[in-house]
């Protein structure tokens, strides 16, 4: 069996950790301070799966966009584990992971409230064995949401952010660590980036 990969996703309000074993993907979600609970949740997941940290083959981390604090914590944890365990850590876009729930052969828009009158937006086309980036993650004015996401489009996100009806595939736009593992398999683990947050605007 290939050494298991551990995934960390803390860009949203509901952080998750996941690991792929011979029995499939196991995961845990948690609430509260990411900095306080992330490492204990990793330890708990490894214990549940009867896997020692030294058996891990690599770390997959969601790079956002999303919470500034959450992204910094996850990327720092991934780099620390990379150094301590002498295994590679790779970053993957959290929006791409969410887009895996899109319809095959069709464009799927991701739309999240970025507050301050702005939205995070991206668009992807899911095929059987690939994921095409139609529009890379970006920040747009809230009033431009209706232009970025046309009427009737497939949407993962809150349809109430738009002035017209769309085909809402999933209203709860929450990136999950288990989806990161699927994305790493689809893209190829070694094609991931260095674990660094994807910041689309300057923190204020």
C-alpha atoms as a PDB file:
ATOM      1  CA  UNK A   1       0.000   0.000   0.000  1.00  0.00           C
ATOM      2  CA  UNK A   2       1.162   3.549  -0.773  1.00  0.00           C
ATOM      3  CA  UNK A   3       1.992   5.578   2.326  1.00  0.00           C
ATOM      4  CA  UNK A   4      -1.155   7.484   3.400  1.00  0.00           C
ATOM      5  CA  UNK A   5      -1.637  11.209   2.842  1.00  0.00           C
ATOM      6  CA  UNK A   6      -2.931  13.530   5.554  1.00  0.00           C
ATOM      7  CA  UNK A   7      -5.093  16.493   4.495  1.00  0.00           C
ATOM      8  CA  UNK A   8      -5.705  19.743   6.407  1.00  0.00           C
ATOM      9  CA  UNK A   9      -8.469  22.207   5.512  1.00  0.00           C
ATOM     10  CA  UNK A  10      -9.002  25.201   7.803  1.00  0.00           C
ATOM     11  CA  UNK A  11      -9.986  27.985   5.399  1.00  0.00           C
ATOM     12  CA  UNK A  12     -13.654  27.903   6.496  1.00  0.00           C
ATOM     13  CA  UNK A  13     -15.493  28.077   9.813  1.00  0.00           C
ATOM     14  CA  UNK A  14     -15.706  24.272  10.012  1.00  0.00           C
ATOM     15  CA  UNK A  15     -12.128  22.944   9.814  1.00  0.00           C
ATOM     16  CA  UNK A  16     -11.554  19.323   8.798  1.00  0.00           C
ATOM     17  CA  UNK A  17      -8.708  16.830   8.709  1.00  0.00           C
ATOM     18  CA  UNK A  18      -8.699  13.644   6.646  1.00  0.00           C
ATOM     19  CA  UNK A  19      -6.526  10.668   5.833  1.00  0.00           C
ATOM     20  CA  UNK A  20      -6.754   8.020   3.135  1.00  0.00           C
ATOM     21  CA  UNK A  21      -6.183   4.431   4.200  1.00  0.00           C
ATOM     22  CA  UNK A  22      -6.721   1.038   2.602  1.00  0.00           C
ATOM     23  CA  UNK A  23     -10.296   1.207   3.930  1.00  0.00           C
ATOM     24  CA  UNK A  24     -11.018   4.556   2.253  1.00  0.00           C
ATOM     25  CA  UNK A  25     -10.986   8.147   3.498  1.00  0.00           C
ATOM     26  CA  UNK A  26     -11.500   8.870   7.196  1.00  0.00           C
ATOM     27  CA  UNK A  27     -12.054  12.410   8.434  1.00  0.00           C
ATOM     28  CA  UNK A  28     -12.859  14.570  11.431  1.00  0.00           C
ATOM     29  CA  UNK A  29     -14.399  18.027  11.693  1.00  0.00           C
ATOM     30  CA  UNK A  30     -14.147  20.333  14.669  1.00  0.00           C
ATOM     31  CA  UNK A  31     -15.124  23.751  15.962  1.00  0.00           C
ATOM     32  CA  UNK A  32     -13.354  26.378  17.999  1.00  0.00           C
ATOM     33  CA  UNK A  33      -9.834  27.748  17.762  1.00  0.00           C
ATOM     34  CA  UNK A  34      -7.964  26.228  14.846  1.00  0.00           C
ATOM     35  CA  UNK A  35      -4.590  26.900  16.418  1.00  0.00           C
ATOM     36  CA  UNK A  36      -5.615  25.153  19.630  1.00  0.00           C
ATOM     37  CA  UNK A  37      -7.429  22.149  18.165  1.00  0.00           C
ATOM     38  CA  UNK A  38      -5.760  21.335  14.830  1.00  0.00           C
ATOM     39  CA  UNK A  39      -2.858  19.220  16.113  1.00  0.00           C
ATOM     40  CA  UNK A  40      -4.991  17.345  18.710  1.00  0.00           C
ATOM     41  CA  UNK A  41      -7.532  16.562  15.957  1.00  0.00           C
ATOM     42  CA  UNK A  42      -4.751  15.242  13.721  1.00  0.00           C
ATOM     43  CA  UNK A  43      -3.512  13.048  16.559  1.00  0.00           C
ATOM     44  CA  UNK A  44      -7.054  11.792  17.243  1.00  0.00           C
ATOM     45  CA  UNK A  45      -7.606  10.931  13.573  1.00  0.00           C
ATOM     46  CA  UNK A  46      -4.322   9.038  13.349  1.00  0.00           C
ATOM     47  CA  UNK A  47      -5.218   7.126  16.502  1.00  0.00           C
ATOM     48  CA  UNK A  48      -8.655   6.222  15.112  1.00  0.00           C
ATOM     49  CA  UNK A  49      -7.013   4.869  11.964  1.00  0.00           C
ATOM     50  CA  UNK A  50      -4.193   3.134  13.885  1.00  0.00           C
ATOM     51  CA  UNK A  51      -1.586   5.041  11.881  1.00  0.00           C
ATOM     52  CA  UNK A  52       1.646   6.419  13.292  1.00  0.00           C
ATOM     53  CA  UNK A  53       2.803   9.840  12.086  1.00  0.00           C
ATOM     54  CA  UNK A  54       5.985   8.252  10.782  1.00  0.00           C
ATOM     55  CA  UNK A  55       3.913   6.123   8.394  1.00  0.00           C
ATOM     56  CA  UNK A  56       2.568   9.173   6.550  1.00  0.00           C
ATOM     57  CA  UNK A  57       3.728   9.741   2.992  1.00  0.00           C
ATOM     58  CA  UNK A  58       2.838  13.412   2.682  1.00  0.00           C
ATOM     59  CA  UNK A  59       0.671  16.345   3.744  1.00  0.00           C
ATOM     60  CA  UNK A  60      -2.041  17.973   1.625  1.00  0.00           C
ATOM     61  CA  UNK A  61      -3.205  21.420   2.732  1.00  0.00           C
ATOM     62  CA  UNK A  62      -5.970  23.694   1.461  1.00  0.00           C
ATOM     63  CA  UNK A  63      -4.495  27.056   0.497  1.00  0.00           C
ATOM     64  CA  UNK A  64      -7.774  28.959   0.234  1.00  0.00           C
ATOM     65  CA  UNK A  65      -8.986  31.509  -0.497  1.00  0.00           C
ATOM     66  CA  UNK A  66     -10.647  31.887   2.881  1.00  0.00           C
ATOM     67  CA  UNK A  67      -9.954  32.857   6.472  1.00  0.00           C
ATOM     68  CA  UNK A  68      -6.595  34.616   6.879  1.00  0.00           C
ATOM     69  CA  UNK A  69      -6.052  33.059  10.292  1.00  0.00           C
ATOM     70  CA  UNK A  70      -7.182  29.597   9.229  1.00  0.00           C
ATOM     71  CA  UNK A  71      -4.933  29.555   6.169  1.00  0.00           C
ATOM     72  CA  UNK A  72      -1.879  30.664   8.129  1.00  0.00           C
ATOM     73  CA  UNK A  73      -2.447  27.993  10.782  1.00  0.00           C
ATOM     74  CA  UNK A  74      -2.916  25.122   8.324  1.00  0.00           C
ATOM     75  CA  UNK A  75       0.049  26.077   6.146  1.00  0.00           C
ATOM     76  CA  UNK A  76       2.286  26.524   9.195  1.00  0.00           C
ATOM     77  CA  UNK A  77       1.199  23.130  10.535  1.00  0.00           C
ATOM     78  CA  UNK A  78       1.857  21.488   7.157  1.00  0.00           C
ATOM     79  CA  UNK A  79       5.347  22.979   6.967  1.00  0.00           C
ATOM     80  CA  UNK A  80       6.090  21.925  10.551  1.00  0.00           C
ATOM     81  CA  UNK A  81       5.025  18.340   9.857  1.00  0.00           C
ATOM     82  CA  UNK A  82       7.017  18.382   6.627  1.00  0.00           C
ATOM     83  CA  UNK A  83      10.147  19.353   8.544  1.00  0.00           C
ATOM     84  CA  UNK A  84       9.581  17.090  11.554  1.00  0.00           C
ATOM     85  CA  UNK A  85       8.609  13.950   9.623  1.00  0.00           C
ATOM     86  CA  UNK A  86      10.846  14.538   6.584  1.00  0.00           C
ATOM     87  CA  UNK A  87       7.908  14.126   4.191  1.00  0.00           C
ATOM     88  CA  UNK A  88       6.651  16.455   1.432  1.00  0.00           C
ATOM     89  CA  UNK A  89       3.784  18.907   1.948  1.00  0.00           C
ATOM     90  CA  UNK A  90       1.803  20.280  -1.000  1.00  0.00           C
ATOM     91  CA  UNK A  91      -0.865  22.955  -1.230  1.00  0.00           C
ATOM     92  CA  UNK A  92      -4.043  22.774  -3.320  1.00  0.00           C
ATOM     93  CA  UNK A  93      -6.711  25.416  -3.947  1.00  0.00           C
ATOM     94  CA  UNK A  94      -9.711  24.942  -1.650  1.00  0.00           C
ATOM     95  CA  UNK A  95     -12.098  26.159  -4.369  1.00  0.00           C
ATOM     96  CA  UNK A  96     -10.863  23.472  -6.768  1.00  0.00           C
ATOM     97  CA  UNK A  97     -11.592  20.844  -4.136  1.00  0.00           C
ATOM     98  CA  UNK A  98     -15.165  22.145  -3.778  1.00  0.00           C
ATOM     99  CA  UNK A  99     -15.608  22.126  -7.559  1.00  0.00           C
ATOM    100  CA  UNK A 100     -15.279  18.332  -7.575  1.00  0.00           C
ATOM    101  CA  UNK A 101     -18.976  18.328  -6.601  1.00  0.00           C
ATOM    102  CA  UNK A 102     -19.808  20.060  -9.889  1.00  0.00           C
ATOM    103  CA  UNK A 103     -21.696  18.471 -12.776  1.00  0.00           C
ATOM    104  CA  UNK A 104     -19.612  16.558 -15.305  1.00  0.00           C
ATOM    105  CA  UNK A 105     -19.063  18.414 -18.563  1.00  0.00           C
ATOM    106  CA  UNK A 106     -20.586  21.656 -17.288  1.00  0.00           C
ATOM    107  CA  UNK A 107     -19.268  24.881 -15.801  1.00  0.00           C
ATOM    108  CA  UNK A 108     -19.709  25.211 -12.042  1.00  0.00           C
ATOM    109  CA  UNK A 109     -19.349  28.552 -10.265  1.00  0.00           C
ATOM    110  CA  UNK A 110     -18.078  28.933  -6.700  1.00  0.00           C
ATOM    111  CA  UNK A 111     -19.383  32.020  -4.901  1.00  0.00           C
ATOM    112  CA  UNK A 112     -18.658  32.947  -1.283  1.00  0.00           C
ATOM    113  CA  UNK A 113     -19.394  36.104   0.653  1.00  0.00           C
ATOM    114  CA  UNK A 114     -16.045  37.826   1.257  1.00  0.00           C
ATOM    115  CA  UNK A 115     -17.779  40.624   3.210  1.00  0.00           C
ATOM    116  CA  UNK A 116     -16.867  44.328   2.883  1.00  0.00           C
ATOM    117  CA  UNK A 117     -19.248  44.379  -0.099  1.00  0.00           C
ATOM    118  CA  UNK A 118     -17.176  41.780  -1.977  1.00  0.00           C
ATOM    119  CA  UNK A 119     -17.436  38.167  -3.137  1.00  0.00           C
ATOM    120  CA  UNK A 120     -14.952  35.375  -3.782  1.00  0.00           C
ATOM    121  CA  UNK A 121     -15.666  33.884  -7.208  1.00  0.00           C
ATOM    122  CA  UNK A 122     -14.225  31.135  -9.394  1.00  0.00           C
ATOM    123  CA  UNK A 123     -15.500  28.867 -12.156  1.00  0.00           C
ATOM    124  CA  UNK A 124     -14.482  25.312 -13.099  1.00  0.00           C
ATOM    125  CA  UNK A 125     -15.438  22.638 -15.603  1.00  0.00           C
ATOM    126  CA  UNK A 126     -15.374  19.091 -14.258  1.00  0.00           C
ATOM    127  CA  UNK A 127     -14.582  16.229 -16.596  1.00  0.00           C
ATOM    128  CA  UNK A 128     -14.219  12.572 -15.711  1.00  0.00           C
ATOM    129  CA  UNK A 129     -10.471  12.675 -15.182  1.00  0.00           C
ATOM    130  CA  UNK A 130      -9.660  16.374 -15.063  1.00  0.00           C
ATOM    131  CA  UNK A 131     -10.735  19.736 -13.678  1.00  0.00           C
ATOM    132  CA  UNK A 132     -10.388  22.775 -15.922  1.00  0.00           C
ATOM    133  CA  UNK A 133     -10.021  26.249 -14.443  1.00  0.00           C
ATOM    134  CA  UNK A 134     -12.402  28.495 -16.393  1.00  0.00           C
ATOM    135  CA  UNK A 135     -12.035  31.513 -14.089  1.00  0.00           C
ATOM    136  CA  UNK A 136      -9.348  31.475 -11.397  1.00  0.00           C
ATOM    137  CA  UNK A 137     -10.312  32.545  -7.855  1.00  0.00           C
ATOM    138  CA  UNK A 138     -10.770  36.296  -7.613  1.00  0.00           C
ATOM    139  CA  UNK A 139     -12.446  39.023  -5.579  1.00  0.00           C
ATOM    140  CA  UNK A 140     -15.321  40.897  -7.206  1.00  0.00           C
ATOM    141  CA  UNK A 141     -17.724  43.580  -6.037  1.00  0.00           C
ATOM    142  CA  UNK A 142     -20.951  42.161  -4.639  1.00  0.00           C
ATOM    143  CA  UNK A 143     -22.921  44.076  -7.271  1.00  0.00           C
ATOM    144  CA  UNK A 144     -20.966  42.251  -9.997  1.00  0.00           C
ATOM    145  CA  UNK A 145     -22.059  38.800  -8.825  1.00  0.00           C
ATOM    146  CA  UNK A 146     -24.914  38.705 -11.314  1.00  0.00           C
ATOM    147  CA  UNK A 147     -22.489  39.396 -14.154  1.00  0.00           C
ATOM    148  CA  UNK A 148     -19.935  36.786 -13.067  1.00  0.00           C
ATOM    149  CA  UNK A 149     -22.581  34.098 -12.503  1.00  0.00           C
ATOM    150  CA  UNK A 150     -25.241  34.179 -15.247  1.00  0.00           C
ATOM    151  CA  UNK A 151     -28.865  33.192 -14.703  1.00  0.00           C
ATOM    152  CA  UNK A 152     -29.388  29.428 -14.702  1.00  0.00           C
ATOM    153  CA  UNK A 153     -25.711  28.647 -14.062  1.00  0.00           C
ATOM    154  CA  UNK A 154     -24.575  25.799 -11.804  1.00  0.00           C
ATOM    155  CA  UNK A 155     -23.621  27.246  -8.425  1.00  0.00           C
ATOM    156  CA  UNK A 156     -21.900  26.027  -5.294  1.00  0.00           C
ATOM    157  CA  UNK A 157     -22.594  28.813  -2.837  1.00  0.00           C
ATOM    158  CA  UNK A 158     -25.376  31.029  -1.530  1.00  0.00           C
ATOM    159  CA  UNK A 159     -27.917  31.802  -4.300  1.00  0.00           C
ATOM    160  CA  UNK A 160     -29.167  34.752  -2.234  1.00  0.00           C
ATOM    161  CA  UNK A 161     -25.986  36.599  -3.197  1.00  0.00           C
ATOM    162  CA  UNK A 162     -27.306  36.820  -6.767  1.00  0.00           C
ATOM    163  CA  UNK A 163     -30.125  38.903  -8.289  1.00  0.00           C
ATOM    164  CA  UNK A 164     -31.447  36.067 -10.480  1.00  0.00           C
ATOM    165  CA  UNK A 165     -32.214  32.331 -10.157  1.00  0.00           C
ATOM    166  CA  UNK A 166     -29.457  29.757 -10.637  1.00  0.00           C
ATOM    167  CA  UNK A 167     -29.089  25.985 -10.387  1.00  0.00           C
ATOM    168  CA  UNK A 168     -27.790  25.716  -6.823  1.00  0.00           C
ATOM    169  CA  UNK A 169     -25.918  22.422  -6.464  1.00  0.00           C
ATOM    170  CA  UNK A 170     -24.843  23.048  -2.882  1.00  0.00           C
ATOM    171  CA  UNK A 171     -25.677  26.087  -0.769  1.00  0.00           C
ATOM    172  CA  UNK A 172     -23.234  25.322   2.048  1.00  0.00           C
ATOM    173  CA  UNK A 173     -19.918  26.304   0.485  1.00  0.00           C
ATOM    174  CA  UNK A 174     -17.512  24.551   2.856  1.00  0.00           C
ATOM    175  CA  UNK A 175     -14.197  23.113   1.630  1.00  0.00           C
ATOM    176  CA  UNK A 176     -13.453  19.700   3.119  1.00  0.00           C
ATOM    177  CA  UNK A 177     -10.172  17.914   3.757  1.00  0.00           C
ATOM    178  CA  UNK A 178     -11.535  14.722   2.202  1.00  0.00           C
ATOM    179  CA  UNK A 179     -12.109  16.606  -1.067  1.00  0.00           C
ATOM    180  CA  UNK A 180      -8.502  17.807  -0.948  1.00  0.00           C
ATOM    181  CA  UNK A 181      -7.357  14.185  -0.993  1.00  0.00           C
ATOM    182  CA  UNK A 182      -9.484  13.533  -4.084  1.00  0.00           C
ATOM    183  CA  UNK A 183      -8.090  16.664  -5.739  1.00  0.00           C
ATOM    184  CA  UNK A 184      -4.504  15.647  -4.966  1.00  0.00           C
ATOM    185  CA  UNK A 185      -5.192  12.284  -6.582  1.00  0.00           C
ATOM    186  CA  UNK A 186      -6.779  13.937  -9.632  1.00  0.00           C
ATOM    187  CA  UNK A 187      -4.088  16.587 -10.092  1.00  0.00           C
ATOM    188  CA  UNK A 188      -1.189  14.493  -8.850  1.00  0.00           C
ATOM    189  CA  UNK A 189       0.260  15.092  -5.388  1.00  0.00           C
ATOM    190  CA  UNK A 190       3.606  16.326  -6.695  1.00  0.00           C
ATOM    191  CA  UNK A 191       1.882  18.982  -8.811  1.00  0.00           C
ATOM    192  CA  UNK A 192       0.738  20.805  -5.690  1.00  0.00           C
ATOM    193  CA  UNK A 193       2.322  24.089  -4.636  1.00  0.00           C
ATOM    194  CA  UNK A 194       4.380  25.028  -1.625  1.00  0.00           C
ATOM    195  CA  UNK A 195       2.107  25.323   1.453  1.00  0.00           C
ATOM    196  CA  UNK A 196       1.370  29.051   1.317  1.00  0.00           C
ATOM    197  CA  UNK A 197      -1.967  30.869   1.741  1.00  0.00           C
ATOM    198  CA  UNK A 198      -3.740  32.089  -1.388  1.00  0.00           C
ATOM    199  CA  UNK A 199      -4.469  35.694  -0.432  1.00  0.00           C
ATOM    200  CA  UNK A 200      -6.646  37.553  -2.930  1.00  0.00           C
ATOM    201  CA  UNK A 201      -6.643  40.860  -1.087  1.00  0.00           C
ATOM    202  CA  UNK A 202      -4.590  42.628   1.543  1.00  0.00           C
ATOM    203  CA  UNK A 203      -5.698  42.055   5.136  1.00  0.00           C
ATOM    204  CA  UNK A 204      -7.119  45.145   6.827  1.00  0.00           C
END
